[in-house]
Amino acid sequence: MSYIKLKNLFEEQSLLNDISGILSWDMATYMPNKSRSARIKQMKVVYDYKEKIFSEIKKNELFKKAESKKLNYFDTLNLQLMKEKFEYFETIPFEKIKKKSELSIECEGLWREAKRKSNFCIVKKTFSNLVNLIQEESEILSQKKNKSKYDSLLLNYDRSFSTKELIELFNTIEKFIKLKLPIILKKQKHNYSDDFKNKLTESEQFELSKSLMKKLGFDFSKGRIDKSIHPFCGGSTDDVRITTRFDENDSFSCFDALMHETGHALYEQGLPKKWIHQPLGSSAGMSLHESQSLFIEKQIIKSLPTSKFIESLLVKILKKKSTEWKFIQIFKNRNRVKKSFIRVDADEVTYPLHIIHRFNLERKIINDGIGMENLPDLWNEEFFRIFGMNVDSDSNGCLQDIHWFGGDFGYFPTYSVGAFIAAQLLNKIRDDIPNLNNLLELGNFKPIISWLKENIHQKGNSKKINDLLKVSTNENLNLKYFKNHIIDRFIKEEF
């Protein structure tokens, strides 16, 4: 049967993605410095196999044959998702796909050196070549899909929202944040204390993190933790690899990164096994993926009730008994609001401004075909417009994120859309689990994670975001929940 043949071929494609995932994880963690050229060859072979798979699909007209068969609802949906995935490989010449992969690996390596030395010139030439290729890709996809060039790239990460819809969302949030930020900063100036004087060591942060991860339900028999220059969740099916970073000046840098990536990992580990290695069994886009990580990190772990549980763990596990580690201090210090250069260190209030900054730049780069020779100037100008701050170095500016240098244009909006979704999910969970705060104080996350598994994880890629939110929260994405969350946590919260 043609549909069964397609399922088998897409399983092969998924397994090749798993191989790529492990190779990419290794490249970001333990791969020797001079092994990058060999890794490029290895990834090229993976893409060669993918090309054979999609060539077989095209040659044998498997989609045309499968569409003539009577399939049930879920198989029909899976077939449609297959077609969407196939369309990319059918539209973009494989030589360009392989070249993009090669340039991404080379560029990422140069980015590491450039960031360390805070010198964009080190990566400029290779990065310019990579962006030129991405601009070509966006033009090809634009003509195929009859969409804007940037819209065509957004679809690589999320099929739920267009540029027009994102502009509307972000304009609303930017105005809201700029209105509330002075109020929040004024309140915190009087009510919030200095940072912890005695820092948690790296090993202490790891120990605290592992304890919380186990409580949240992360399966260590199918996953592991490592360090990398940029935290991420990767690996493969049933082998989730989480990485984190450590900052000796921040007692919760490693911990917060791991809480964020644990949200991603729980989503991956909770996807429907019935549809494993099929498009229907994958996540429903990166906005939803980011909603899961931000739900765990921001909505749950940084909350006041969970801060009480963290205090109990610091006493029980790490023997921290001074007043410095009381839950009020933990909550206050971990929810400090301050404008800063670095996105990954930003608080919940200013974080969307970092995303809006990148969103605005990405649209200019892709839709207007702007070259990358003067990226630092382009970056710094837009950053000053949004934050009113002059960027002091390339490492604090255009070199701070790995995404563009790995070829990911169109990804950044998913972070803030994810934050909006997370706030809406928590609002519904509060309705469904009335004793939520008590559970958080006790570190009992099981009912919460069970709700997420039933309403989000187990749905796989069966629905777009608004359709999924209608089922799980009874309405489309609504910014009022994120706004209410910011007001409740940073303005109304009293101690």
Foldseek 3Di string as FASTA:
>chain_A
DLLVVLLVLLLVLQVLQLVVQVLVVCLQFPDDLPCLVVSLVVVLVSLVSVVVSLVVCVVVVSLVVVVVDDDDPLSVLLSVLSVVVSVLPVQDDSVLVSVLQSLLSVLLSQLVVCLVVLHCVSNQVSLLVNLVSLLVSLVSQCVVVVHFSQQSQLVVFAPFDGPVRLVVVLVVLLVLLVVCVVVLQVVCVPVADDDQPDAADPVRLVVLQVVLLVLQPQDVVQEDEGAGPDWAWTRHQSRIYTYAYDDRVHRCRRNLSSLLRSLLRLLSNLFAPVQPSTQQRAAQGLLQSLLSSCLRRPVACLDLLLLLVSLVCCCVPVVDDDPCSHSVNSNRNQQDADDFLALSNHHPSCNSLVLVLLSVVLCCCNNVVDGRPPVQVSFQVSCCVSPVDGDDTSSSTVSVDSQSSSPRRSNSSSNVSSLLVSLLLVVLVCVVPVCVSVCSNNSNCVVVSVLCSVLHSHSRNVDHQQVSCCVSRVGGRDNVSVSVVCCVSRPVDDD
